[in-house]
Amino acid sequence: MNTVKHTYHPNIFGYYANIPSLWDFTNSSIINHMKNVQIKYPNKLKEFRKKCSLYQKDVAELMGLKSEDRMSRWEKGQSLPSVPNLFKLAKLYKVSIEDIYTELK
């Protein structure tokens, strides 16, 4: 069982209160659990790329990226493209940004 140790801090009235310190919160099991939660960003990038008969490597080259690793993370929803890259993708696939990320509608 995780026990949180409290430290005593003076408040505005000069009294000491039993308030957990910032260190206590960062070491709590809730924070540690949240660090392991990965946010997914659902999109249709893979669908549009396949409709254009392109590989991730092709799209990366057309966009001026050094490798297709970034494309893979975007398609899996592990990260989001920057705004300029998002516009490049929309133009390349001839769709709107809202079509790529349907949750924006």
C-alpha atoms as a PDB file:
ATOM      1  CA  MET A   1       0.000   0.000   0.000  1.00  0.00           C
ATOM      2  CA  ASN A   2       1.287   3.432  -0.925  1.00  0.00           C
ATOM      3  CA  THR A   3       1.367   5.797   2.002  1.00  0.00           C
ATOM      4  CA  VAL A   4       1.639   9.506   1.405  1.00  0.00           C
ATOM      5  CA  LYS A   5       3.747  11.365   3.934  1.00  0.00           C
ATOM      6  CA  HIS A   6       2.493  14.834   4.670  1.00  0.00           C
ATOM      7  CA  THR A   7       4.606  17.839   5.420  1.00  0.00           C
ATOM      8  CA  TYR A   8       3.520  20.818   7.436  1.00  0.00           C
ATOM      9  CA  HIS A   9       3.420  24.233   5.769  1.00  0.00           C
ATOM     10  CA  PRO A  10       2.415  27.597   7.210  1.00  0.00           C
ATOM     11  CA  ASN A  11      -0.733  29.077   5.751  1.00  0.00           C
ATOM     12  CA  ILE A  12      -1.713  32.737   5.505  1.00  0.00           C
ATOM     13  CA  PHE A  13      -2.836  32.794   9.151  1.00  0.00           C
ATOM     14  CA  GLY A  14       0.493  31.482  10.413  1.00  0.00           C
ATOM     15  CA  TYR A  15      -0.932  28.077  11.346  1.00  0.00           C
ATOM     16  CA  TYR A  16       0.576  24.861  10.134  1.00  0.00           C
ATOM     17  CA  ALA A  17      -1.642  22.532   8.166  1.00  0.00           C
ATOM     18  CA  ASN A  18      -1.209  18.935   7.119  1.00  0.00           C
ATOM     19  CA  ILE A  19      -0.821  19.540   3.351  1.00  0.00           C
ATOM     20  CA  PRO A  20       0.827  17.044   1.028  1.00  0.00           C
ATOM     21  CA  SER A  21       3.904  18.428  -0.663  1.00  0.00           C
ATOM     22  CA  LEU A  22       4.363  18.460  -4.446  1.00  0.00           C
ATOM     23  CA  TRP A  23       6.820  15.584  -4.046  1.00  0.00           C
ATOM     24  CA  ASP A  24       4.059  13.495  -2.457  1.00  0.00           C
ATOM     25  CA  PHE A  25       1.774  14.046  -5.451  1.00  0.00           C
ATOM     26  CA  THR A  26       4.434  13.213  -8.045  1.00  0.00           C
ATOM     27  CA  ASN A  27       5.177   9.939  -6.300  1.00  0.00           C
ATOM     28  CA  SER A  28       1.570   8.884  -5.839  1.00  0.00           C
ATOM     29  CA  SER A  29       0.258   5.796  -7.583  1.00  0.00           C
ATOM     30  CA  ILE A  30      -2.276   7.882  -9.549  1.00  0.00           C
ATOM     31  CA  ILE A  31       0.453  10.002 -11.137  1.00  0.00           C
ATOM     32  CA  ASN A  32       2.574   6.941 -11.877  1.00  0.00           C
ATOM     33  CA  HIS A  33      -0.412   5.288 -13.530  1.00  0.00           C
ATOM     34  CA  MET A  34      -1.134   8.385 -15.634  1.00  0.00           C
ATOM     35  CA  LYS A  35       2.469   8.390 -16.910  1.00  0.00           C
ATOM     36  CA  ASN A  36       1.806   4.965 -18.448  1.00  0.00           C
ATOM     37  CA  VAL A  37      -1.461   5.989 -20.126  1.00  0.00           C
ATOM     38  CA  GLN A  38      -0.928   6.811 -23.769  1.00  0.00           C
ATOM     39  CA  ILE A  39      -3.339   9.182 -25.480  1.00  0.00           C
ATOM     40  CA  LYS A  40      -4.484   8.126 -28.939  1.00  0.00           C
ATOM     41  CA  TYR A  41      -5.429  10.599 -31.653  1.00  0.00           C
ATOM     42  CA  PRO A  42      -7.786   8.790 -34.043  1.00  0.00           C
ATOM     43  CA  ASN A  43      -7.373   9.771 -37.670  1.00  0.00           C
ATOM     44  CA  LYS A  44      -7.754   8.589 -41.249  1.00  0.00           C
ATOM     45  CA  LEU A  45      -4.193   9.222 -42.418  1.00  0.00           C
ATOM     46  CA  LYS A  46      -3.515   5.592 -43.309  1.00  0.00           C
ATOM     47  CA  GLU A  47      -6.807   5.315 -45.198  1.00  0.00           C
ATOM     48  CA  PHE A  48      -6.091   8.419 -47.299  1.00  0.00           C
ATOM     49  CA  ARG A  49      -2.479   7.368 -47.934  1.00  0.00           C
ATOM     50  CA  LYS A  50      -3.600   3.969 -49.219  1.00  0.00           C
ATOM     51  CA  LYS A  51      -6.268   5.578 -51.435  1.00  0.00           C
ATOM     52  CA  CYS A  52      -3.422   7.518 -53.071  1.00  0.00           C
ATOM     53  CA  SER A  53      -1.412   4.269 -53.482  1.00  0.00           C
ATOM     54  CA  LEU A  54       1.492   5.679 -51.470  1.00  0.00           C
ATOM     55  CA  TYR A  55       3.828   4.156 -48.901  1.00  0.00           C
ATOM     56  CA  GLN A  56       4.798   5.962 -45.708  1.00  0.00           C
ATOM     57  CA  LYS A  57       8.273   6.421 -47.160  1.00  0.00           C
ATOM     58  CA  ASP A  58       6.793   8.139 -50.250  1.00  0.00           C
ATOM     59  CA  VAL A  59       4.739  10.562 -48.150  1.00  0.00           C
ATOM     60  CA  ALA A  60       7.732  11.321 -45.920  1.00  0.00           C
ATOM     61  CA  GLU A  61       9.850  12.157 -48.971  1.00  0.00           C
ATOM     62  CA  LEU A  62       7.125  14.341 -50.512  1.00  0.00           C
ATOM     63  CA  MET A  63       6.813  16.247 -47.229  1.00  0.00           C
ATOM     64  CA  GLY A  64      10.560  16.655 -46.792  1.00  0.00           C
ATOM     65  CA  LEU A  65      10.807  14.408 -43.716  1.00  0.00           C
ATOM     66  CA  LYS A  66      14.004  12.455 -43.066  1.00  0.00           C
ATOM     67  CA  SER A  67      12.265   9.143 -42.382  1.00  0.00           C
ATOM     68  CA  GLU A  68       8.842   7.552 -42.264  1.00  0.00           C
ATOM     69  CA  ASP A  69       8.973   7.036 -38.474  1.00  0.00           C
ATOM     70  CA  ARG A  70       7.026  10.214 -37.896  1.00  0.00           C
ATOM     71  CA  MET A  71       4.381   9.144 -40.426  1.00  0.00           C
ATOM     72  CA  SER A  72       3.975   5.861 -38.572  1.00  0.00           C
ATOM     73  CA  ARG A  73       3.417   7.610 -35.230  1.00  0.00           C
ATOM     74  CA  TRP A  74       0.890   9.990 -36.807  1.00  0.00           C
ATOM     75  CA  GLU A  75      -1.047   7.162 -38.471  1.00  0.00           C
ATOM     76  CA  LYS A  76      -1.116   5.109 -35.255  1.00  0.00           C
ATOM     77  CA  GLY A  77      -2.381   8.161 -33.384  1.00  0.00           C
ATOM     78  CA  GLN A  78       0.631   8.205 -31.061  1.00  0.00           C
ATOM     79  CA  SER A  79       1.426  11.825 -31.893  1.00  0.00           C
ATOM     80  CA  LEU A  80       0.032  14.731 -33.860  1.00  0.00           C
ATOM     81  CA  PRO A  81       1.596  16.427 -36.881  1.00  0.00           C
ATOM     82  CA  SER A  82       2.515  20.079 -36.567  1.00  0.00           C
ATOM     83  CA  VAL A  83       0.121  22.567 -38.136  1.00  0.00           C
ATOM     84  CA  PRO A  84       2.285  23.079 -41.257  1.00  0.00           C
ATOM     85  CA  ASN A  85       2.628  19.304 -41.703  1.00  0.00           C
ATOM     86  CA  LEU A  86      -1.091  18.840 -41.200  1.00  0.00           C
ATOM     87  CA  PHE A  87      -1.783  21.305 -44.018  1.00  0.00           C
ATOM     88  CA  LYS A  88       0.766  19.520 -46.226  1.00  0.00           C
ATOM     89  CA  LEU A  89      -0.962  16.184 -45.589  1.00  0.00           C
ATOM     90  CA  ALA A  90      -4.389  17.617 -46.357  1.00  0.00           C
ATOM     91  CA  LYS A  91      -3.104  19.129 -49.597  1.00  0.00           C
ATOM     92  CA  LEU A  92      -1.275  15.926 -50.582  1.00  0.00           C
ATOM     93  CA  TYR A  93      -4.346  13.743 -49.977  1.00  0.00           C
ATOM     94  CA  LYS A  94      -6.712  16.413 -51.404  1.00  0.00           C
ATOM     95  CA  VAL A  95      -8.914  16.396 -48.306  1.00  0.00           C
ATOM     96  CA  SER A  96      -9.695  18.820 -45.498  1.00  0.00           C
ATOM     97  CA  ILE A  97      -8.094  18.662 -42.071  1.00  0.00           C
ATOM     98  CA  GLU A  98     -11.529  17.826 -40.667  1.00  0.00           C
ATOM     99  CA  ASP A  99     -11.649  14.805 -42.975  1.00  0.00           C
ATOM    100  CA  ILE A 100      -8.349  13.551 -41.544  1.00  0.00           C
ATOM    101  CA  TYR A 101      -9.287  14.175 -37.907  1.00  0.00           C
ATOM    102  CA  THR A 102     -13.031  13.588 -37.943  1.00  0.00           C
ATOM    103  CA  GLU A 103     -13.361  14.328 -34.228  1.00  0.00           C
ATOM    104  CA  LEU A 104     -12.710  18.003 -35.017  1.00  0.00           C
ATOM    105  CA  LYS A 105     -16.109  18.331 -36.684  1.00  0.00           C
END
